[in-house]
Amino acid sequence: MSKEVSRREAKKPLTVRHGAAVVGVGVVAALVAFWVLSSIVGIIFFIVKLAVVVGLVGGVIWLVHRFRR
């Protein structure tokens, strides 16, 4: 195995097609990341709402039980 560094044979710059592909992949990646993060935030918000509702119902039940004595 040789450790010599060989130069690229083709010195073509980035073509328009490659540039468009890079931009397209970046846009799709940004959309997927936005969708995933918004889903995670939605799940966390749902859990917080559920905890608040359970807390309120528990508080009302506790108050009713306390005033019945």
PDB file of N, CA and C in Angstrom:
ATOM      1  N   MET A   1       0.849  -1.170   0.000  1.00  0.00           N
ATOM      2  CA  MET A   1       0.000   0.000   0.000  1.00  0.00           C
ATOM      3  C   MET A   1       0.894   1.232   0.000  1.00  0.00           C
ATOM      4  N   SER A   2       0.637   2.101  -0.923  1.00  0.00           N
ATOM      5  CA  SER A   2       1.454   3.283  -1.083  1.00  0.00           C
ATOM      6  C   SER A   2       0.887   4.431  -0.253  1.00  0.00           C
ATOM      7  N   LYS A   3       1.790   5.235   0.281  1.00  0.00           N
ATOM      8  CA  LYS A   3       1.357   6.393   1.063  1.00  0.00           C
ATOM      9  C   LYS A   3       1.452   7.671   0.248  1.00  0.00           C
ATOM     10  N   GLU A   4       1.664   7.539  -1.033  1.00  0.00           N
ATOM     11  CA  GLU A   4       1.761   8.720  -1.884  1.00  0.00           C
ATOM     12  C   GLU A   4       0.374   9.337  -2.068  1.00  0.00           C
ATOM     13  N   VAL A   5       0.362  10.652  -2.067  1.00  0.00           N
ATOM     14  CA  VAL A   5      -0.894  11.378  -2.252  1.00  0.00           C
ATOM     15  C   VAL A   5      -1.075  11.620  -3.739  1.00  0.00           C
ATOM     16  N   SER A   6      -2.188  11.170  -4.263  1.00  0.00           N
ATOM     17  CA  SER A   6      -2.443  11.376  -5.688  1.00  0.00           C
ATOM     18  C   SER A   6      -3.445  12.510  -5.859  1.00  0.00           C
ATOM     19  N   ARG A   7      -3.254  13.275  -6.899  1.00  0.00           N
ATOM     20  CA  ARG A   7      -4.150  14.394  -7.183  1.00  0.00           C
ATOM     21  C   ARG A   7      -5.410  13.894  -7.867  1.00  0.00           C
ATOM     22  N   ARG A   8      -6.461  14.666  -7.711  1.00  0.00           N
ATOM     23  CA  ARG A   8      -7.691  14.332  -8.421  1.00  0.00           C
ATOM     24  C   ARG A   8      -7.458  14.479  -9.906  1.00  0.00           C
ATOM     25  N   GLU A   9      -7.943  13.534 -10.653  1.00  0.00           N
ATOM     26  CA  GLU A   9      -7.756  13.614 -12.095  1.00  0.00           C
ATOM     27  C   GLU A   9      -8.714  14.614 -12.719  1.00  0.00           C
ATOM     28  N   ALA A  10      -9.934  14.646 -12.270  1.00  0.00           N
ATOM     29  CA  ALA A  10     -10.918  15.577 -12.818  1.00  0.00           C
ATOM     30  C   ALA A  10     -11.008  16.780 -11.896  1.00  0.00           C
ATOM     31  N   LYS A  11     -10.708  17.943 -12.449  1.00  0.00           N
ATOM     32  CA  LYS A  11     -10.755  19.163 -11.646  1.00  0.00           C
ATOM     33  C   LYS A  11     -12.010  19.959 -11.988  1.00  0.00           C
ATOM     34  N   LYS A  12     -13.140  19.260 -12.085  1.00  0.00           N
ATOM     35  CA  LYS A  12     -14.391  19.937 -12.404  1.00  0.00           C
ATOM     36  C   LYS A  12     -14.945  20.575 -11.135  1.00  0.00           C
ATOM     37  N   PRO A  13     -15.448  21.789 -11.248  1.00  0.00           N
ATOM     38  CA  PRO A  13     -16.099  22.399 -10.075  1.00  0.00           C
ATOM     39  C   PRO A  13     -17.460  21.755  -9.848  1.00  0.00           C
ATOM     40  N   LEU A  14     -18.115  22.195  -8.807  1.00  0.00           N
ATOM     41  CA  LEU A  14     -19.447  21.696  -8.484  1.00  0.00           C
ATOM     42  C   LEU A  14     -20.400  22.072  -9.610  1.00  0.00           C
ATOM     43  N   THR A  15     -21.080  21.075 -10.154  1.00  0.00           N
ATOM     44  CA  THR A  15     -22.001  21.352 -11.251  1.00  0.00           C
ATOM     45  C   THR A  15     -23.328  21.879 -10.712  1.00  0.00           C
ATOM     46  N   VAL A  16     -24.135  22.396 -11.604  1.00  0.00           N
ATOM     47  CA  VAL A  16     -25.441  22.933 -11.222  1.00  0.00           C
ATOM     48  C   VAL A  16     -26.316  21.807 -10.662  1.00  0.00           C
ATOM     49  N   ARG A  17     -26.242  20.635 -11.262  1.00  0.00           N
ATOM     50  CA  ARG A  17     -27.038  19.503 -10.800  1.00  0.00           C
ATOM     51  C   ARG A  17     -26.629  19.096  -9.386  1.00  0.00           C
ATOM     52  N   HIS A  18     -25.316  19.061  -9.118  1.00  0.00           N
ATOM     53  CA  HIS A  18     -24.859  18.708  -7.773  1.00  0.00           C
ATOM     54  C   HIS A  18     -25.260  19.776  -6.758  1.00  0.00           C
ATOM     55  N   GLY A  19     -25.159  21.025  -7.150  1.00  0.00           N
ATOM     56  CA  GLY A  19     -25.568  22.111  -6.254  1.00  0.00           C
ATOM     57  C   GLY A  19     -27.047  22.050  -5.933  1.00  0.00           C
ATOM     58  N   ALA A  20     -27.863  21.771  -6.942  1.00  0.00           N
ATOM     59  CA  ALA A  20     -29.306  21.652  -6.717  1.00  0.00           C
ATOM     60  C   ALA A  20     -29.613  20.453  -5.825  1.00  0.00           C
ATOM     61  N   ALA A  21     -28.871  19.364  -6.003  1.00  0.00           N
ATOM     62  CA  ALA A  21     -29.084  18.183  -5.166  1.00  0.00           C
ATOM     63  C   ALA A  21     -28.736  18.480  -3.710  1.00  0.00           C
ATOM     64  N   VAL A  22     -27.649  19.200  -3.497  1.00  0.00           N
ATOM     65  CA  VAL A  22     -27.245  19.562  -2.131  1.00  0.00           C
ATOM     66  C   VAL A  22     -28.303  20.455  -1.487  1.00  0.00           C
ATOM     67  N   VAL A  23     -28.798  21.428  -2.219  1.00  0.00           N
ATOM     68  CA  VAL A  23     -29.832  22.321  -1.689  1.00  0.00           C
ATOM     69  C   VAL A  23     -31.111  21.536  -1.414  1.00  0.00           C
ATOM     70  N   GLY A  24     -31.489  20.641  -2.330  1.00  0.00           N
ATOM     71  CA  GLY A  24     -32.692  19.830  -2.144  1.00  0.00           C
ATOM     72  C   GLY A  24     -32.605  18.951  -0.914  1.00  0.00           C
ATOM     73  N   VAL A  25     -31.471  18.301  -0.726  1.00  0.00           N
ATOM     74  CA  VAL A  25     -31.288  17.451   0.451  1.00  0.00           C
ATOM     75  C   VAL A  25     -31.319  18.295   1.723  1.00  0.00           C
ATOM     76  N   GLY A  26     -30.752  19.485   1.678  1.00  0.00           N
ATOM     77  CA  GLY A  26     -30.784  20.376   2.843  1.00  0.00           C
ATOM     78  C   GLY A  26     -32.194  20.803   3.194  1.00  0.00           C
ATOM     79  N   VAL A  27     -32.996  21.122   2.182  1.00  0.00           N
ATOM     80  CA  VAL A  27     -34.380  21.537   2.430  1.00  0.00           C
ATOM     81  C   VAL A  27     -35.189  20.378   3.008  1.00  0.00           C
ATOM     82  N   VAL A  28     -35.036  19.185   2.440  1.00  0.00           N
ATOM     83  CA  VAL A  28     -35.763  18.022   2.951  1.00  0.00           C
ATOM     84  C   VAL A  28     -35.326  17.720   4.382  1.00  0.00           C
ATOM     85  N   ALA A  29     -34.039  17.804   4.666  1.00  0.00           N
ATOM     86  CA  ALA A  29     -33.544  17.552   6.025  1.00  0.00           C
ATOM     87  C   ALA A  29     -34.107  18.576   7.011  1.00  0.00           C
ATOM     88  N   ALA A  30     -34.195  19.836   6.604  1.00  0.00           N
ATOM     89  CA  ALA A  30     -34.749  20.871   7.479  1.00  0.00           C
ATOM     90  C   ALA A  30     -36.234  20.611   7.752  1.00  0.00           C
ATOM     91  N   LEU A  31     -36.978  20.200   6.731  1.00  0.00           N
ATOM     92  CA  LEU A  31     -38.405  19.905   6.920  1.00  0.00           C
ATOM     93  C   LEU A  31     -38.609  18.710   7.845  1.00  0.00           C
ATOM     94  N   VAL A  32     -37.813  17.675   7.665  1.00  0.00           N
ATOM     95  CA  VAL A  32     -37.930  16.496   8.525  1.00  0.00           C
ATOM     96  C   VAL A  32     -37.561  16.851   9.964  1.00  0.00           C
ATOM     97  N   ALA A  33     -36.503  17.633  10.155  1.00  0.00           N
ATOM     98  CA  ALA A  33     -36.105  18.037  11.507  1.00  0.00           C
ATOM     99  C   ALA A  33     -37.205  18.874  12.158  1.00  0.00           C
ATOM    100  N   PHE A  34     -37.815  19.787  11.401  1.00  0.00           N
ATOM    101  CA  PHE A  34     -38.904  20.609  11.940  1.00  0.00           C
ATOM    102  C   PHE A  34     -40.079  19.733  12.336  1.00  0.00           C
ATOM    103  N   TRP A  35     -40.434  18.762  11.504  1.00  0.00           N
ATOM    104  CA  TRP A  35     -41.557  17.868  11.795  1.00  0.00           C
ATOM    105  C   TRP A  35     -41.286  17.037  13.044  1.00  0.00           C
ATOM    106  N   VAL A  36     -40.071  16.494  13.149  1.00  0.00           N
ATOM    107  CA  VAL A  36     -39.730  15.664  14.312  1.00  0.00           C
ATOM    108  C   VAL A  36     -39.746  16.496  15.591  1.00  0.00           C
ATOM    109  N   LEU A  37     -39.132  17.667  15.545  1.00  0.00           N
ATOM    110  CA  LEU A  37     -39.089  18.507  16.744  1.00  0.00           C
ATOM    111  C   LEU A  37     -40.481  18.992  17.139  1.00  0.00           C
ATOM    112  N   SER A  38     -41.312  19.336  16.163  1.00  0.00           N
ATOM    113  CA  SER A  38     -42.667  19.776  16.516  1.00  0.00           C
ATOM    114  C   SER A  38     -43.483  18.615  17.084  1.00  0.00           C
ATOM    115  N   SER A  39     -43.230  17.406  16.613  1.00  0.00           N
ATOM    116  CA  SER A  39     -43.924  16.244  17.184  1.00  0.00           C
ATOM    117  C   SER A  39     -43.504  16.019  18.627  1.00  0.00           C
ATOM    118  N   ILE A  40     -42.218  16.143  18.897  1.00  0.00           N
ATOM    119  CA  ILE A  40     -41.717  15.959  20.263  1.00  0.00           C
ATOM    120  C   ILE A  40     -42.307  17.021  21.190  1.00  0.00           C
ATOM    121  N   VAL A  41     -42.333  18.265  20.732  1.00  0.00           N
ATOM    122  CA  VAL A  41     -42.902  19.344  21.536  1.00  0.00           C
ATOM    123  C   VAL A  41     -44.393  19.111  21.757  1.00  0.00           C
ATOM    124  N   GLY A  42     -45.096  18.613  20.740  1.00  0.00           N
ATOM    125  CA  GLY A  42     -46.517  18.315  20.882  1.00  0.00           C
ATOM    126  C   GLY A  42     -46.775  17.234  21.912  1.00  0.00           C
ATOM    127  N   ILE A  43     -45.948  16.200  21.913  1.00  0.00           N
ATOM    128  CA  ILE A  43     -46.096  15.123  22.897  1.00  0.00           C
ATOM    129  C   ILE A  43     -45.841  15.650  24.309  1.00  0.00           C
ATOM    130  N   ILE A  44     -44.814  16.456  24.471  1.00  0.00           N
ATOM    131  CA  ILE A  44     -44.507  17.016  25.794  1.00  0.00           C
ATOM    132  C   ILE A  44     -45.644  17.922  26.260  1.00  0.00           C
ATOM    133  N   PHE A  45     -46.195  18.740  25.347  1.00  0.00           N
ATOM    134  CA  PHE A  45     -47.301  19.626  25.694  1.00  0.00           C
ATOM    135  C   PHE A  45     -48.534  18.818  26.097  1.00  0.00           C
ATOM    136  N   PHE A  46     -48.798  17.700  25.406  1.00  0.00           N
ATOM    137  CA  PHE A  46     -49.916  16.838  25.753  1.00  0.00           C
ATOM    138  C   PHE A  46     -49.741  16.264  27.156  1.00  0.00           C
ATOM    139  N   ILE A  47     -48.530  15.827  27.486  1.00  0.00           N
ATOM    140  CA  ILE A  47     -48.267  15.263  28.818  1.00  0.00           C
ATOM    141  C   ILE A  47     -48.473  16.323  29.890  1.00  0.00           C
ATOM    142  N   VAL A  48     -48.028  17.545  29.627  1.00  0.00           N
ATOM    143  CA  VAL A  48     -48.210  18.634  30.604  1.00  0.00           C
ATOM    144  C   VAL A  48     -49.696  18.939  30.783  1.00  0.00           C
ATOM    145  N   LYS A  49     -50.448  19.007  29.690  1.00  0.00           N
ATOM    146  CA  LYS A  49     -51.892  19.253  29.799  1.00  0.00           C
ATOM    147  C   LYS A  49     -52.574  18.136  30.578  1.00  0.00           C
ATOM    148  N   LEU A  50     -52.194  16.900  30.309  1.00  0.00           N
ATOM    149  CA  LEU A  50     -52.783  15.768  31.017  1.00  0.00           C
ATOM    150  C   LEU A  50     -52.489  15.851  32.511  1.00  0.00           C
ATOM    151  N   ALA A  51     -51.268  16.216  32.876  1.00  0.00           N
ATOM    152  CA  ALA A  51     -50.906  16.338  34.289  1.00  0.00           C
ATOM    153  C   ALA A  51     -51.711  17.451  34.963  1.00  0.00           C
ATOM    154  N   VAL A  52     -51.924  18.559  34.263  1.00  0.00           N
ATOM    155  CA  VAL A  52     -52.699  19.664  34.835  1.00  0.00           C
ATOM    156  C   VAL A  52     -54.150  19.239  35.049  1.00  0.00           C
ATOM    157  N   VAL A  53     -54.730  18.550  34.070  1.00  0.00           N
ATOM    158  CA  VAL A  53     -56.123  18.110  34.209  1.00  0.00           C
ATOM    159  C   VAL A  53     -56.253  17.110  35.343  1.00  0.00           C
ATOM    160  N   VAL A  54     -55.342  16.146  35.418  1.00  0.00           N
ATOM    161  CA  VAL A  54     -55.385  15.161  36.503  1.00  0.00           C
ATOM    162  C   VAL A  54     -55.222  15.860  37.855  1.00  0.00           C
ATOM    163  N   GLY A  55     -54.329  16.840  37.932  1.00  0.00           N
ATOM    164  CA  GLY A  55     -54.144  17.595  39.168  1.00  0.00           C
ATOM    165  C   GLY A  55     -55.387  18.367  39.566  1.00  0.00           C
ATOM    166  N   LEU A  56     -56.035  18.997  38.594  1.00  0.00           N
ATOM    167  CA  LEU A  56     -57.256  19.746  38.898  1.00  0.00           C
ATOM    168  C   LEU A  56     -58.378  18.825  39.355  1.00  0.00           C
ATOM    169  N   VAL A  57     -58.572  17.705  38.660  1.00  0.00           N
ATOM    170  CA  VAL A  57     -59.618  16.760  39.061  1.00  0.00           C
ATOM    171  C   VAL A  57     -59.318  16.198  40.452  1.00  0.00           C
ATOM    172  N   GLY A  58     -58.064  15.856  40.696  1.00  0.00           N
ATOM    173  CA  GLY A  58     -57.686  15.367  42.027  1.00  0.00           C
ATOM    174  C   GLY A  58     -57.901  16.404  43.096  1.00  0.00           C
ATOM    175  N   GLY A  59     -57.596  17.663  42.787  1.00  0.00           N
ATOM    176  CA  GLY A  59     -57.820  18.743  43.748  1.00  0.00           C
ATOM    177  C   GLY A  59     -59.296  18.946  44.058  1.00  0.00           C
ATOM    178  N   VAL A  60     -60.134  18.880  43.037  1.00  0.00           N
ATOM    179  CA  VAL A  60     -61.577  19.027  43.260  1.00  0.00           C
ATOM    180  C   VAL A  60     -62.102  17.865  44.096  1.00  0.00           C
ATOM    181  N   ILE A  61     -61.686  16.656  43.785  1.00  0.00           N
ATOM    182  CA  ILE A  61     -62.122  15.488  44.566  1.00  0.00           C
ATOM    183  C   ILE A  61     -61.654  15.612  46.013  1.00  0.00           C
ATOM    184  N   TRP A  62     -60.435  16.071  46.215  1.00  0.00           N
ATOM    185  CA  TRP A  62     -59.914  16.246  47.567  1.00  0.00           C
ATOM    186  C   TRP A  62     -60.713  17.299  48.331  1.00  0.00           C
ATOM    187  N   LEU A  63     -61.048  18.433  47.661  1.00  0.00           N
ATOM    188  CA  LEU A  63     -61.828  19.480  48.320  1.00  0.00           C
ATOM    189  C   LEU A  63     -63.233  18.991  48.670  1.00  0.00           C
ATOM    190  N   VAL A  64     -63.882  18.285  47.740  1.00  0.00           N
ATOM    191  CA  VAL A  64     -65.224  17.769  48.012  1.00  0.00           C
ATOM    192  C   VAL A  64     -65.180  16.790  49.172  1.00  0.00           C
ATOM    193  N   HIS A  65     -64.189  15.922  49.179  1.00  0.00           N
ATOM    194  CA  HIS A  65     -64.065  14.942  50.265  1.00  0.00           C
ATOM    195  C   HIS A  65     -63.778  15.640  51.601  1.00  0.00           C
ATOM    196  N   ARG A  66     -63.010  16.693  51.564  1.00  0.00           N
ATOM    197  CA  ARG A  66     -62.650  17.414  52.803  1.00  0.00           C
ATOM    198  C   ARG A  66     -63.873  18.147  53.362  1.00  0.00           C
ATOM    199  N   PHE A  67     -64.694  18.761  52.494  1.00  0.00           N
ATOM    200  CA  PHE A  67     -65.852  19.519  52.990  1.00  0.00           C
ATOM    201  C   PHE A  67     -67.024  18.617  53.389  1.00  0.00           C
ATOM    202  N   ARG A  68     -67.007  17.346  52.979  1.00  0.00           N
ATOM    203  CA  ARG A  68     -68.080  16.427  53.340  1.00  0.00           C
ATOM    204  C   ARG A  68     -67.960  15.975  54.800  1.00  0.00           C
ATOM    205  N   ARG A  69     -66.796  16.053  55.375  1.00  0.00           N
ATOM    206  CA  ARG A  69     -66.604  15.573  56.755  1.00  0.00           C
ATOM    207  C   ARG A  69     -67.278  16.472  57.738  1.00  0.00           C
TER     208      ARG A  69
END
